Amino acid sequence: MSALPRSDGDRYVPMTEADLDEVATAEKEIYPFPWTRGNFLDALHAGYSAWVLRDGAKRVAAYGVMMMALDEAHLLNLSVARQSQRAGLGWQTLDWMADVARDHGGRTMLLEVRPTNDAALRLYQRYGFERIGVRRGYYPARDGREDAIVMRIAL
């Protein structure tokens, strides 16, 4: 793998099992239906591209998980820990994941997002993602299931 660009001294490092308790805790703080520690562990064991950014206090500030299939990246999880939100880390982490995807031959990136996740929708639309479909009943929700908006961008 070639060296990837680093932004402003921040260092994304590959997620390891040692990060999982803290990542799972951050996930629980920001989502009503979070990924579990086991979901993250499964992603690591499957060889997915998983990254962590730590803040100055060495706490998990942001993280992302992506699966590569041929020339398409499927962004499975991109999150900013509650204490680090509203500081541009969503954009920065999305940019990092896109760079990683390109470095692995990715030509497009695909993702699903809840229609009720306004902040994520705005981020993805501003970044250039376009809506390409809907997955009915994709996410668990308080009153049953929630659809997912499927989005894609050319890298």
C-alpha atoms as a PDB file:
ATOM      1  CA  MET A   1       0.000   0.000   0.000  1.00  0.00           C
ATOM      2  CA  SER A   2       1.353   3.426  -0.855  1.00  0.00           C
ATOM      3  CA  ALA A   3       1.669   6.197   1.690  1.00  0.00           C
ATOM      4  CA  LEU A   4      -1.567   8.117   2.139  1.00  0.00           C
ATOM      5  CA  PRO A   5      -1.758  11.859   2.729  1.00  0.00           C
ATOM      6  CA  ARG A   6      -2.017  13.109   6.295  1.00  0.00           C
ATOM      7  CA  SER A   7      -3.940  16.255   7.151  1.00  0.00           C
ATOM      8  CA  ASP A   8      -2.785  18.885   9.612  1.00  0.00           C
ATOM      9  CA  GLY A   9      -0.883  16.539  11.876  1.00  0.00           C
ATOM     10  CA  ASP A  10      -3.880  14.280  12.482  1.00  0.00           C
ATOM     11  CA  ARG A  11      -3.039  10.624  12.184  1.00  0.00           C
ATOM     12  CA  TYR A  12      -5.486   8.012  11.088  1.00  0.00           C
ATOM     13  CA  VAL A  13      -4.267   4.594  12.137  1.00  0.00           C
ATOM     14  CA  PRO A  14      -5.641   1.163  11.325  1.00  0.00           C
ATOM     15  CA  MET A  15      -8.286   0.095  13.846  1.00  0.00           C
ATOM     16  CA  THR A  16      -7.187  -2.844  15.993  1.00  0.00           C
ATOM     17  CA  GLU A  17      -8.878  -5.011  18.583  1.00  0.00           C
ATOM     18  CA  ALA A  18      -7.302  -2.774  21.251  1.00  0.00           C
ATOM     19  CA  ASP A  19      -9.493   0.109  19.971  1.00  0.00           C
ATOM     20  CA  LEU A  20     -12.785  -1.765  20.030  1.00  0.00           C
ATOM     21  CA  ASP A  21     -13.977  -1.072  23.580  1.00  0.00           C
ATOM     22  CA  GLU A  22     -13.513   2.662  23.080  1.00  0.00           C
ATOM     23  CA  VAL A  23     -14.977   2.625  19.573  1.00  0.00           C
ATOM     24  CA  ALA A  24     -18.030   0.663  20.755  1.00  0.00           C
ATOM     25  CA  THR A  25     -18.510   3.100  23.654  1.00  0.00           C
ATOM     26  CA  ALA A  26     -18.377   6.078  21.262  1.00  0.00           C
ATOM     27  CA  GLU A  27     -20.822   4.302  18.948  1.00  0.00           C
ATOM     28  CA  LYS A  28     -23.315   3.790  21.814  1.00  0.00           C
ATOM     29  CA  GLU A  29     -23.126   7.493  22.711  1.00  0.00           C
ATOM     30  CA  ILE A  30     -24.098   8.686  19.241  1.00  0.00           C
ATOM     31  CA  TYR A  31     -26.550   6.156  17.813  1.00  0.00           C
ATOM     32  CA  PRO A  32     -29.838   4.710  19.072  1.00  0.00           C
ATOM     33  CA  PHE A  33     -29.011   1.451  17.216  1.00  0.00           C
ATOM     34  CA  PRO A  34     -25.200   1.259  17.373  1.00  0.00           C
ATOM     35  CA  TRP A  35     -22.834  -1.273  15.924  1.00  0.00           C
ATOM     36  CA  THR A  36     -21.683  -3.616  18.663  1.00  0.00           C
ATOM     37  CA  ARG A  37     -18.118  -4.429  19.618  1.00  0.00           C
ATOM     38  CA  GLY A  38     -18.768  -7.751  17.877  1.00  0.00           C
ATOM     39  CA  ASN A  39     -19.762  -5.989  14.645  1.00  0.00           C
ATOM     40  CA  PHE A  40     -16.476  -4.090  14.646  1.00  0.00           C
ATOM     41  CA  LEU A  41     -14.538  -7.250  15.509  1.00  0.00           C
ATOM     42  CA  ASP A  42     -16.217  -9.087  12.619  1.00  0.00           C
ATOM     43  CA  ALA A  43     -15.233  -6.241  10.275  1.00  0.00           C
ATOM     44  CA  LEU A  44     -11.610  -6.502  11.393  1.00  0.00           C
ATOM     45  CA  HIS A  45     -11.592 -10.280  10.997  1.00  0.00           C
ATOM     46  CA  ALA A  46     -13.120  -9.918   7.515  1.00  0.00           C
ATOM     47  CA  GLY A  47     -10.216  -7.669   6.545  1.00  0.00           C
ATOM     48  CA  TYR A  48     -12.273  -4.539   5.994  1.00  0.00           C
ATOM     49  CA  SER A  49     -10.461  -1.222   5.882  1.00  0.00           C
ATOM     50  CA  ALA A  50     -11.029   0.248   9.366  1.00  0.00           C
ATOM     51  CA  TRP A  51      -9.431   3.430  10.690  1.00  0.00           C
ATOM     52  CA  VAL A  52      -9.348   5.457  13.908  1.00  0.00           C
ATOM     53  CA  LEU A  53      -8.449   9.092  14.525  1.00  0.00           C
ATOM     54  CA  ARG A  54      -7.517  10.076  18.079  1.00  0.00           C
ATOM     55  CA  ASP A  55      -7.680  13.589  19.503  1.00  0.00           C
ATOM     56  CA  GLY A  56      -4.995  15.400  21.496  1.00  0.00           C
ATOM     57  CA  ALA A  57      -6.120  13.607  24.655  1.00  0.00           C
ATOM     58  CA  LYS A  58      -5.689  10.262  22.845  1.00  0.00           C
ATOM     59  CA  ARG A  59      -9.450   9.604  22.845  1.00  0.00           C
ATOM     60  CA  VAL A  60     -11.171   8.196  19.772  1.00  0.00           C
ATOM     61  CA  ALA A  61     -12.366  11.255  17.847  1.00  0.00           C
ATOM     62  CA  ALA A  62     -13.569   9.585  14.629  1.00  0.00           C
ATOM     63  CA  TYR A  63     -13.541   6.237  12.874  1.00  0.00           C
ATOM     64  CA  GLY A  64     -14.568   4.588   9.657  1.00  0.00           C
ATOM     65  CA  VAL A  65     -15.077   1.096   8.271  1.00  0.00           C
ATOM     66  CA  MET A  66     -15.161   0.274   4.582  1.00  0.00           C
ATOM     67  CA  MET A  67     -15.331  -2.851   2.464  1.00  0.00           C
ATOM     68  CA  MET A  68     -13.591  -2.964  -0.902  1.00  0.00           C
ATOM     69  CA  ALA A  69     -15.029  -5.089  -3.712  1.00  0.00           C
ATOM     70  CA  LEU A  70     -13.119  -4.845  -6.970  1.00  0.00           C
ATOM     71  CA  ASP A  71     -13.161  -1.126  -7.818  1.00  0.00           C
ATOM     72  CA  GLU A  72     -16.047  -0.165  -5.502  1.00  0.00           C
ATOM     73  CA  ALA A  73     -15.751   0.918  -1.887  1.00  0.00           C
ATOM     74  CA  HIS A  74     -18.742   0.343   0.374  1.00  0.00           C
ATOM     75  CA  LEU A  75     -18.610   2.736   3.321  1.00  0.00           C
ATOM     76  CA  LEU A  76     -20.173   0.782   6.176  1.00  0.00           C
ATOM     77  CA  ASN A  77     -19.611   3.129   9.118  1.00  0.00           C
ATOM     78  CA  LEU A  78     -18.302   6.674   9.390  1.00  0.00           C
ATOM     79  CA  SER A  79     -18.690   8.274  12.802  1.00  0.00           C
ATOM     80  CA  VAL A  80     -17.444  11.162  14.900  1.00  0.00           C
ATOM     81  CA  ALA A  81     -17.418  10.707  18.671  1.00  0.00           C
ATOM     82  CA  ARG A  82     -19.793  13.002  20.522  1.00  0.00           C
ATOM     83  CA  GLN A  83     -17.008  15.079  22.132  1.00  0.00           C
ATOM     84  CA  SER A  84     -15.466  15.757  18.699  1.00  0.00           C
ATOM     85  CA  GLN A  85     -18.562  16.609  16.659  1.00  0.00           C
ATOM     86  CA  ARG A  86     -19.058  19.905  14.830  1.00  0.00           C
ATOM     87  CA  ALA A  87     -15.319  20.367  14.212  1.00  0.00           C
ATOM     88  CA  GLY A  88     -15.120  19.194  10.589  1.00  0.00           C
ATOM     89  CA  LEU A  89     -14.012  15.655  11.413  1.00  0.00           C
ATOM     90  CA  GLY A  90     -16.875  14.068   9.479  1.00  0.00           C
ATOM     91  CA  TRP A  91     -15.661  15.699   6.259  1.00  0.00           C
ATOM     92  CA  GLN A  92     -12.022  14.981   7.105  1.00  0.00           C
ATOM     93  CA  THR A  93     -12.722  11.318   7.855  1.00  0.00           C
ATOM     94  CA  LEU A  94     -14.846  10.925   4.730  1.00  0.00           C
ATOM     95  CA  ASP A  95     -11.994  12.456   2.740  1.00  0.00           C
ATOM     96  CA  TRP A  96      -9.552  10.016   4.376  1.00  0.00           C
ATOM     97  CA  MET A  97     -11.747   7.023   3.555  1.00  0.00           C
ATOM     98  CA  ALA A  98     -12.068   8.195  -0.068  1.00  0.00           C
ATOM     99  CA  ASP A  99      -8.264   8.467  -0.283  1.00  0.00           C
ATOM    100  CA  VAL A 100      -7.900   4.951   1.126  1.00  0.00           C
ATOM    101  CA  ALA A 101     -10.461   3.657  -1.392  1.00  0.00           C
ATOM    102  CA  ARG A 102      -8.636   5.320  -4.297  1.00  0.00           C
ATOM    103  CA  ASP A 103      -5.337   3.914  -3.017  1.00  0.00           C
ATOM    104  CA  HIS A 104      -6.888   0.439  -3.264  1.00  0.00           C
ATOM    105  CA  GLY A 105      -8.178   0.988  -6.796  1.00  0.00           C
ATOM    106  CA  GLY A 106     -11.620   2.293  -5.862  1.00  0.00           C
ATOM    107  CA  ARG A 107     -13.419   4.160  -8.617  1.00  0.00           C
ATOM    108  CA  THR A 108     -16.739   4.604  -6.809  1.00  0.00           C
ATOM    109  CA  MET A 109     -17.942   4.684  -3.208  1.00  0.00           C
ATOM    110  CA  LEU A 110     -21.358   3.493  -2.087  1.00  0.00           C
ATOM    111  CA  LEU A 111     -23.102   3.981   1.257  1.00  0.00           C
ATOM    112  CA  GLU A 112     -26.442   3.744   3.016  1.00  0.00           C
ATOM    113  CA  VAL A 113     -27.763   6.468   5.305  1.00  0.00           C
ATOM    114  CA  ARG A 114     -30.912   6.884   7.350  1.00  0.00           C
ATOM    115  CA  PRO A 115     -33.308   9.472   5.878  1.00  0.00           C
ATOM    116  CA  THR A 116     -33.675  10.822   9.438  1.00  0.00           C
ATOM    117  CA  ASN A 117     -29.912  11.439   9.787  1.00  0.00           C
ATOM    118  CA  ASP A 118     -29.985  15.025   8.516  1.00  0.00           C
ATOM    119  CA  ALA A 119     -26.368  15.830   9.419  1.00  0.00           C
ATOM    120  CA  ALA A 120     -25.022  12.798   7.554  1.00  0.00           C
ATOM    121  CA  LEU A 121     -27.240  13.454   4.538  1.00  0.00           C
ATOM    122  CA  ARG A 122     -26.001  17.052   4.332  1.00  0.00           C
ATOM    123  CA  LEU A 123     -22.378  15.916   4.644  1.00  0.00           C
ATOM    124  CA  TYR A 124     -22.687  13.303   1.913  1.00  0.00           C
ATOM    125  CA  GLN A 125     -24.582  15.615  -0.439  1.00  0.00           C
ATOM    126  CA  ARG A 126     -22.054  18.449   0.063  1.00  0.00           C
ATOM    127  CA  TYR A 127     -19.233  15.971  -0.589  1.00  0.00           C
ATOM    128  CA  GLY A 128     -20.850  15.059  -3.908  1.00  0.00           C
ATOM    129  CA  PHE A 129     -22.694  11.812  -3.238  1.00  0.00           C
ATOM    130  CA  GLU A 130     -25.873  11.310  -5.266  1.00  0.00           C
ATOM    131  CA  ARG A 131     -28.957   9.348  -4.284  1.00  0.00           C
ATOM    132  CA  ILE A 132     -29.256   6.221  -6.394  1.00  0.00           C
ATOM    133  CA  GLY A 133     -31.926   4.234  -4.567  1.00  0.00           C
ATOM    134  CA  VAL A 134     -33.680   3.151  -1.396  1.00  0.00           C
ATOM    135  CA  ARG A 135     -33.340  -0.048   0.612  1.00  0.00           C
ATOM    136  CA  ARG A 136     -36.718  -0.656   2.221  1.00  0.00           C
ATOM    137  CA  GLY A 137     -36.708  -1.573   5.934  1.00  0.00           C
ATOM    138  CA  TYR A 138     -32.905  -1.614   6.063  1.00  0.00           C
ATOM    139  CA  TYR A 139     -32.328  -0.155   9.539  1.00  0.00           C
ATOM    140  CA  PRO A 140     -33.865  -1.053  12.909  1.00  0.00           C
ATOM    141  CA  ALA A 141     -35.992   1.766  14.295  1.00  0.00           C
ATOM    142  CA  ARG A 142     -38.063   2.484  17.381  1.00  0.00           C
ATOM    143  CA  ASP A 143     -41.281   1.641  15.553  1.00  0.00           C
ATOM    144  CA  GLY A 144     -40.014  -1.280  13.501  1.00  0.00           C
ATOM    145  CA  ARG A 145     -37.739  -0.611  10.521  1.00  0.00           C
ATOM    146  CA  GLU A 146     -36.465   2.456   8.660  1.00  0.00           C
ATOM    147  CA  ASP A 147     -35.510   2.700   5.000  1.00  0.00           C
ATOM    148  CA  ALA A 148     -31.977   3.547   3.874  1.00  0.00           C
ATOM    149  CA  ILE A 149     -31.077   6.037   1.198  1.00  0.00           C
ATOM    150  CA  VAL A 150     -28.383   4.548  -1.044  1.00  0.00           C
ATOM    151  CA  MET A 151     -25.815   7.048  -2.287  1.00  0.00           C
ATOM    152  CA  ARG A 152     -22.806   6.832  -4.586  1.00  0.00           C
ATOM    153  CA  ILE A 153     -19.931   9.022  -5.722  1.00  0.00           C
ATOM    154  CA  ALA A 154     -17.285   8.620  -8.398  1.00  0.00           C
ATOM    155  CA  LEU A 155     -13.822   8.736  -6.875  1.00  0.00           C
END
